[in-house]
Amino acid sequence: MAITTFSSGSSRSWNLPNILTLGRMLAVPFVVACLFWPDTFFMRWLALGIFIVAGITDFLDGYLARAWSQQSALGRMLDPIADKLLVSAVLLMLVANHTIASYSIWAAIIILCREILVSGLREFLAELKVPLPVSRIAKWKTVLQLVALGFLIAGSAGDYAIGGITTTGLVLLWLSALLTLYTGGDYLVAGLRHVIEE
C-alpha cells in the first residue's frame, strides 16, 4: 500500500494561517451571491456577516503566521490575492445594485485601478527579483476599505435599522480612495526607481 508523504515545505504551506486565507477567498462567491439576491434586509445582513468573518481572517492569518512562525511563500502570495478578490468583487456588486452610485463610482474606480497597478508592478518586479513589500500605510488602507465596504454592504438594511449607514460608508470609501491614491503612487515611484536603475 502506497504511503503519501509530505515534505516539510508542503506541511508549512498547509498551515492554519494559509487555510484562513483560502477561507477568505472561498467567502467571496457567498458574499457576491447575497448581494446579487434581490435587495432584502436578511440577505444584506447575511452578506455583512460573511464579510465580517472574512475580514477577521485578514487580521488573523498574518498575526498567527508571525506568532507561530508559520510564514510561507504560499501565504505571501495568497494573502494580497484574497484581499483584492474580496474588495474588488464587493465593489462591483455594490455598484451593480446602486449602493455606490453617481460620483462615488469614481472612488470605486480609483480603488480598482490601484489594485491592478500594484498587481502589475509586483509581477514585473518579481521578474527582476525585486520585492515590493506591503507598507504600513497600505495595511491601514486595506482596513479602511474593509470598514467602508462593511457599512455599504449593510446599506439599506442598516439605514432602516439605524440611519446614516450608507452615507457613512460612502464617506469612508472616499477616504480610502484618497489613501489608495497615495499608496498607489508610492508603489509606482518605487517601481519606476528600479526600472530607471535597470
C-alpha atoms as a PDB file:
ATOM      1  CA  MET A   1       0.000   0.000   0.000  1.00  0.00           C
ATOM      2  CA  ALA A   2       1.400   3.372  -1.022  1.00  0.00           C
ATOM      3  CA  ILE A   3       2.018   5.854   1.759  1.00  0.00           C
ATOM      4  CA  THR A   4       1.590   9.525   0.944  1.00  0.00           C
ATOM      5  CA  THR A   5       4.288  11.708   2.407  1.00  0.00           C
ATOM      6  CA  PHE A   6       4.531  15.457   2.578  1.00  0.00           C
ATOM      7  CA  SER A   7       7.716  17.448   2.526  1.00  0.00           C
ATOM      8  CA  SER A   8       8.404  19.948   5.279  1.00  0.00           C
ATOM      9  CA  GLY A   9       7.789  22.738   2.757  1.00  0.00           C
ATOM     10  CA  SER A  10       4.373  21.297   1.922  1.00  0.00           C
ATOM     11  CA  SER A  11       3.405  20.996   5.583  1.00  0.00           C
ATOM     12  CA  ARG A  12       4.434  24.610   6.170  1.00  0.00           C
ATOM     13  CA  SER A  13       2.203  25.700   3.291  1.00  0.00           C
ATOM     14  CA  TRP A  14      -0.934  23.986   4.580  1.00  0.00           C
ATOM     15  CA  ASN A  15      -0.995  25.593   7.983  1.00  0.00           C
ATOM     16  CA  LEU A  16      -3.849  27.401   9.766  1.00  0.00           C
ATOM     17  CA  PRO A  17      -2.903  30.928   8.561  1.00  0.00           C
ATOM     18  CA  ASN A  18      -2.958  29.794   4.929  1.00  0.00           C
ATOM     19  CA  ILE A  19      -6.204  27.877   5.450  1.00  0.00           C
ATOM     20  CA  LEU A  20      -7.749  31.082   6.838  1.00  0.00           C
ATOM     21  CA  THR A  21      -6.549  32.947   3.748  1.00  0.00           C
ATOM     22  CA  LEU A  22      -8.102  30.309   1.493  1.00  0.00           C
ATOM     23  CA  GLY A  23     -11.289  30.578   3.534  1.00  0.00           C
ATOM     24  CA  ARG A  24     -11.367  34.315   2.799  1.00  0.00           C
ATOM     25  CA  MET A  25     -11.120  33.554  -0.914  1.00  0.00           C
ATOM     26  CA  LEU A  26     -13.919  30.984  -0.665  1.00  0.00           C
ATOM     27  CA  ALA A  27     -16.118  33.534   1.127  1.00  0.00           C
ATOM     28  CA  VAL A  28     -16.086  35.830  -1.932  1.00  0.00           C
ATOM     29  CA  PRO A  29     -18.725  33.987  -4.025  1.00  0.00           C
ATOM     30  CA  PHE A  30     -21.020  33.717  -0.998  1.00  0.00           C
ATOM     31  CA  VAL A  31     -20.869  37.473  -0.327  1.00  0.00           C
ATOM     32  CA  VAL A  32     -21.438  38.121  -4.039  1.00  0.00           C
ATOM     33  CA  ALA A  33     -24.419  35.744  -4.097  1.00  0.00           C
ATOM     34  CA  CYS A  34     -26.018  37.514  -1.128  1.00  0.00           C
ATOM     35  CA  LEU A  35     -25.548  40.929  -2.768  1.00  0.00           C
ATOM     36  CA  PHE A  36     -26.810  39.599  -6.105  1.00  0.00           C
ATOM     37  CA  TRP A  37     -30.026  38.445  -4.436  1.00  0.00           C
ATOM     38  CA  PRO A  38     -32.971  40.872  -4.598  1.00  0.00           C
ATOM     39  CA  ASP A  39     -32.355  43.614  -2.035  1.00  0.00           C
ATOM     40  CA  THR A  40     -33.765  42.167   1.181  1.00  0.00           C
ATOM     41  CA  PHE A  41     -32.728  43.042   4.720  1.00  0.00           C
ATOM     42  CA  PHE A  42     -31.936  39.408   5.541  1.00  0.00           C
ATOM     43  CA  MET A  43     -29.548  38.971   2.590  1.00  0.00           C
ATOM     44  CA  ARG A  44     -27.821  42.281   3.388  1.00  0.00           C
ATOM     45  CA  TRP A  45     -27.173  41.205   6.977  1.00  0.00           C
ATOM     46  CA  LEU A  46     -26.086  37.730   5.854  1.00  0.00           C
ATOM     47  CA  ALA A  47     -23.656  39.267   3.348  1.00  0.00           C
ATOM     48  CA  LEU A  48     -22.317  41.532   6.100  1.00  0.00           C
ATOM     49  CA  GLY A  49     -21.874  38.591   8.475  1.00  0.00           C
ATOM     50  CA  ILE A  50     -19.870  36.605   5.922  1.00  0.00           C
ATOM     51  CA  PHE A  51     -17.855  39.703   5.021  1.00  0.00           C
ATOM     52  CA  ILE A  52     -17.002  40.413   8.675  1.00  0.00           C
ATOM     53  CA  VAL A  53     -15.787  36.831   9.179  1.00  0.00           C
ATOM     54  CA  ALA A  54     -13.678  37.156   6.009  1.00  0.00           C
ATOM     55  CA  GLY A  55     -12.300  40.480   7.256  1.00  0.00           C
ATOM     56  CA  ILE A  56     -11.350  38.935  10.608  1.00  0.00           C
ATOM     57  CA  THR A  57      -9.367  36.229   8.798  1.00  0.00           C
ATOM     58  CA  ASP A  58      -7.414  39.029   7.086  1.00  0.00           C
ATOM     59  CA  PHE A  59      -6.107  40.044  10.514  1.00  0.00           C
ATOM     60  CA  LEU A  60      -5.778  36.545  11.943  1.00  0.00           C
ATOM     61  CA  ASP A  61      -3.835  34.896   9.122  1.00  0.00           C
ATOM     62  CA  GLY A  62      -0.982  37.397   9.272  1.00  0.00           C
ATOM     63  CA  TYR A  63      -0.981  37.581  13.071  1.00  0.00           C
ATOM     64  CA  LEU A  64      -0.916  33.792  13.515  1.00  0.00           C
ATOM     65  CA  ALA A  65       1.709  33.325  10.786  1.00  0.00           C
ATOM     66  CA  ARG A  66       4.035  35.692  12.645  1.00  0.00           C
ATOM     67  CA  ALA A  67       3.169  34.464  16.145  1.00  0.00           C
ATOM     68  CA  TRP A  68       3.613  30.789  15.242  1.00  0.00           C
ATOM     69  CA  SER A  69       6.497  31.349  12.785  1.00  0.00           C
ATOM     70  CA  GLN A  70       4.402  29.828  10.001  1.00  0.00           C
ATOM     71  CA  GLN A  71       5.097  32.397   7.309  1.00  0.00           C
ATOM     72  CA  SER A  72       5.376  30.811   3.876  1.00  0.00           C
ATOM     73  CA  ALA A  73       5.758  31.721   0.209  1.00  0.00           C
ATOM     74  CA  LEU A  74       2.217  30.436  -0.420  1.00  0.00           C
ATOM     75  CA  GLY A  75       0.830  32.706   2.287  1.00  0.00           C
ATOM     76  CA  ARG A  76       2.693  35.748   0.953  1.00  0.00           C
ATOM     77  CA  MET A  77       1.244  35.036  -2.494  1.00  0.00           C
ATOM     78  CA  LEU A  78      -2.338  34.244  -1.451  1.00  0.00           C
ATOM     79  CA  ASP A  79      -2.900  36.994   1.136  1.00  0.00           C
ATOM     80  CA  PRO A  80      -2.889  40.006  -1.233  1.00  0.00           C
ATOM     81  CA  ILE A  81      -4.835  37.991  -3.828  1.00  0.00           C
ATOM     82  CA  ALA A  82      -7.540  37.182  -1.262  1.00  0.00           C
ATOM     83  CA  ASP A  83      -7.756  40.860  -0.248  1.00  0.00           C
ATOM     84  CA  LYS A  84      -8.047  42.042  -3.835  1.00  0.00           C
ATOM     85  CA  LEU A  85     -10.681  39.427  -4.731  1.00  0.00           C
ATOM     86  CA  LEU A  86     -12.818  40.323  -1.730  1.00  0.00           C
ATOM     87  CA  VAL A  87     -12.587  44.103  -2.183  1.00  0.00           C
ATOM     88  CA  SER A  88     -12.980  44.061  -5.982  1.00  0.00           C
ATOM     89  CA  ALA A  89     -15.937  41.668  -6.036  1.00  0.00           C
ATOM     90  CA  VAL A  90     -17.813  43.586  -3.326  1.00  0.00           C
ATOM     91  CA  LEU A  91     -17.156  46.931  -5.028  1.00  0.00           C
ATOM     92  CA  LEU A  92     -18.523  45.608  -8.326  1.00  0.00           C
ATOM     93  CA  MET A  93     -21.655  44.226  -6.662  1.00  0.00           C
ATOM     94  CA  LEU A  94     -22.282  47.449  -4.717  1.00  0.00           C
ATOM     95  CA  VAL A  95     -22.050  49.451  -7.945  1.00  0.00           C
ATOM     96  CA  ALA A  96     -24.324  46.941  -9.691  1.00  0.00           C
ATOM     97  CA  ASN A  97     -27.040  47.223  -7.018  1.00  0.00           C
ATOM     98  CA  HIS A  98     -26.656  51.045  -6.915  1.00  0.00           C
ATOM     99  CA  THR A  99     -25.454  51.251  -3.316  1.00  0.00           C
ATOM    100  CA  ILE A 100     -22.434  53.022  -4.825  1.00  0.00           C
ATOM    101  CA  ALA A 101     -23.766  55.423  -7.420  1.00  0.00           C
ATOM    102  CA  SER A 102     -23.207  58.769  -9.124  1.00  0.00           C
ATOM    103  CA  TYR A 103     -19.840  60.412  -8.346  1.00  0.00           C
ATOM    104  CA  SER A 104     -18.980  57.791  -5.719  1.00  0.00           C
ATOM    105  CA  ILE A 105     -18.411  55.316  -8.544  1.00  0.00           C
ATOM    106  CA  TRP A 106     -15.156  57.215  -9.140  1.00  0.00           C
ATOM    107  CA  ALA A 107     -13.953  56.185  -5.685  1.00  0.00           C
ATOM    108  CA  ALA A 108     -14.575  52.552  -6.635  1.00  0.00           C
ATOM    109  CA  ILE A 109     -12.739  53.039  -9.949  1.00  0.00           C
ATOM    110  CA  ILE A 110      -9.734  54.577  -8.161  1.00  0.00           C
ATOM    111  CA  ILE A 111      -9.536  51.616  -5.791  1.00  0.00           C
ATOM    112  CA  LEU A 112      -9.859  49.021  -8.587  1.00  0.00           C
ATOM    113  CA  CYS A 113      -7.300  50.766 -10.810  1.00  0.00           C
ATOM    114  CA  ARG A 114      -4.807  50.931  -7.961  1.00  0.00           C
ATOM    115  CA  GLU A 115      -5.178  47.194  -7.320  1.00  0.00           C
ATOM    116  CA  ILE A 116      -4.466  46.448 -10.989  1.00  0.00           C
ATOM    117  CA  LEU A 117      -1.498  48.843 -10.994  1.00  0.00           C
ATOM    118  CA  VAL A 118       0.116  47.286  -7.919  1.00  0.00           C
ATOM    119  CA  SER A 119      -0.502  43.741  -9.186  1.00  0.00           C
ATOM    120  CA  GLY A 120       1.216  44.627 -12.464  1.00  0.00           C
ATOM    121  CA  LEU A 121       4.135  46.220 -10.630  1.00  0.00           C
ATOM    122  CA  ARG A 122       4.556  43.183  -8.391  1.00  0.00           C
ATOM    123  CA  GLU A 123       4.593  40.849 -11.399  1.00  0.00           C
ATOM    124  CA  PHE A 124       7.141  42.995 -13.240  1.00  0.00           C
ATOM    125  CA  LEU A 125       9.434  43.466 -10.249  1.00  0.00           C
ATOM    126  CA  ALA A 126       9.231  39.762  -9.386  1.00  0.00           C
ATOM    127  CA  GLU A 127      10.963  39.044 -12.704  1.00  0.00           C
ATOM    128  CA  LEU A 128      13.766  41.376 -11.593  1.00  0.00           C
ATOM    129  CA  LYS A 129      13.896  39.607  -8.210  1.00  0.00           C
ATOM    130  CA  VAL A 130      12.913  42.899  -6.546  1.00  0.00           C
ATOM    131  CA  PRO A 131      10.482  42.601  -3.624  1.00  0.00           C
ATOM    132  CA  LEU A 132       7.678  45.115  -3.201  1.00  0.00           C
ATOM    133  CA  PRO A 133       6.789  44.836   0.492  1.00  0.00           C
ATOM    134  CA  VAL A 134       3.424  45.981   1.804  1.00  0.00           C
ATOM    135  CA  SER A 135       3.811  49.286   3.635  1.00  0.00           C
ATOM    136  CA  ARG A 136       2.169  50.075   6.960  1.00  0.00           C
ATOM    137  CA  ILE A 137       0.022  52.753   5.296  1.00  0.00           C
ATOM    138  CA  ALA A 138      -1.122  50.208   2.702  1.00  0.00           C
ATOM    139  CA  LYS A 139      -2.255  47.931   5.525  1.00  0.00           C
ATOM    140  CA  TRP A 140      -4.264  50.771   7.056  1.00  0.00           C
ATOM    141  CA  LYS A 141      -5.692  51.446   3.604  1.00  0.00           C
ATOM    142  CA  THR A 142      -6.942  47.865   3.449  1.00  0.00           C
ATOM    143  CA  VAL A 143      -8.515  48.152   6.911  1.00  0.00           C
ATOM    144  CA  LEU A 144     -10.285  51.393   5.942  1.00  0.00           C
ATOM    145  CA  GLN A 145     -11.540  49.817   2.722  1.00  0.00           C
ATOM    146  CA  LEU A 146     -12.953  46.824   4.600  1.00  0.00           C
ATOM    147  CA  VAL A 147     -14.695  49.057   7.144  1.00  0.00           C
ATOM    148  CA  ALA A 148     -16.170  51.237   4.374  1.00  0.00           C
ATOM    149  CA  LEU A 149     -17.396  48.194   2.467  1.00  0.00           C
ATOM    150  CA  GLY A 150     -18.903  46.759   5.641  1.00  0.00           C
ATOM    151  CA  PHE A 151     -21.042  49.882   6.076  1.00  0.00           C
ATOM    152  CA  LEU A 152     -22.034  49.808   2.400  1.00  0.00           C
ATOM    153  CA  ILE A 153     -22.933  46.116   2.486  1.00  0.00           C
ATOM    154  CA  ALA A 154     -25.300  46.847   5.365  1.00  0.00           C
ATOM    155  CA  GLY A 155     -26.607  49.656   3.149  1.00  0.00           C
ATOM    156  CA  SER A 156     -30.387  49.989   3.090  1.00  0.00           C
ATOM    157  CA  ALA A 157     -30.805  47.439   5.885  1.00  0.00           C
ATOM    158  CA  GLY A 158     -28.507  49.470   8.109  1.00  0.00           C
ATOM    159  CA  ASP A 159     -30.240  52.715   7.147  1.00  0.00           C
ATOM    160  CA  TYR A 160     -33.578  51.209   8.148  1.00  0.00           C
ATOM    161  CA  ALA A 161     -32.233  49.956  11.494  1.00  0.00           C
ATOM    162  CA  ILE A 162     -30.039  52.900  12.478  1.00  0.00           C
ATOM    163  CA  GLY A 163     -29.880  55.536   9.747  1.00  0.00           C
ATOM    164  CA  GLY A 164     -26.916  57.157   8.010  1.00  0.00           C
ATOM    165  CA  ILE A 165     -25.106  53.854   7.394  1.00  0.00           C
ATOM    166  CA  THR A 166     -24.833  54.213   3.605  1.00  0.00           C
ATOM    167  CA  THR A 167     -23.699  57.843   3.877  1.00  0.00           C
ATOM    168  CA  THR A 168     -21.031  56.876   6.425  1.00  0.00           C
ATOM    169  CA  GLY A 169     -19.877  54.077   4.131  1.00  0.00           C
ATOM    170  CA  LEU A 170     -19.574  56.433   1.150  1.00  0.00           C
ATOM    171  CA  VAL A 171     -17.544  58.961   3.163  1.00  0.00           C
ATOM    172  CA  LEU A 172     -15.200  56.199   4.318  1.00  0.00           C
ATOM    173  CA  LEU A 173     -14.998  54.883   0.761  1.00  0.00           C
ATOM    174  CA  TRP A 174     -13.778  58.280  -0.476  1.00  0.00           C
ATOM    175  CA  LEU A 175     -11.253  58.478   2.356  1.00  0.00           C
ATOM    176  CA  SER A 176      -9.946  55.016   1.466  1.00  0.00           C
ATOM    177  CA  ALA A 177      -9.811  56.031  -2.216  1.00  0.00           C
ATOM    178  CA  LEU A 178      -7.611  59.021  -1.317  1.00  0.00           C
ATOM    179  CA  LEU A 179      -5.381  56.763   0.767  1.00  0.00           C
ATOM    180  CA  THR A 180      -5.363  54.331  -2.141  1.00  0.00           C
ATOM    181  CA  LEU A 181      -4.092  57.072  -4.464  1.00  0.00           C
ATOM    182  CA  TYR A 182      -1.299  57.884  -2.022  1.00  0.00           C
ATOM    183  CA  THR A 183      -0.145  54.284  -1.559  1.00  0.00           C
ATOM    184  CA  GLY A 184      -0.514  53.527  -5.278  1.00  0.00           C
ATOM    185  CA  GLY A 185       1.699  56.499  -6.112  1.00  0.00           C
ATOM    186  CA  ASP A 186       4.187  55.344  -3.503  1.00  0.00           C
ATOM    187  CA  TYR A 187       4.415  51.893  -5.092  1.00  0.00           C
ATOM    188  CA  LEU A 188       4.622  53.381  -8.593  1.00  0.00           C
ATOM    189  CA  VAL A 189       7.565  55.608  -7.627  1.00  0.00           C
ATOM    190  CA  ALA A 190       9.330  52.628  -6.036  1.00  0.00           C
ATOM    191  CA  GLY A 191       8.738  50.547  -9.170  1.00  0.00           C
ATOM    192  CA  LEU A 192       9.916  53.283 -11.547  1.00  0.00           C
ATOM    193  CA  ARG A 193      13.056  53.760  -9.450  1.00  0.00           C
ATOM    194  CA  HIS A 194      14.019  50.129 -10.068  1.00  0.00           C
ATOM    195  CA  VAL A 195      13.188  50.415 -13.788  1.00  0.00           C
ATOM    196  CA  ILE A 196      15.397  53.505 -14.179  1.00  0.00           C
ATOM    197  CA  GLU A 197      18.223  51.819 -12.276  1.00  0.00           C
ATOM    198  CA  GLU A 198      17.973  48.819 -14.592  1.00  0.00           C
END
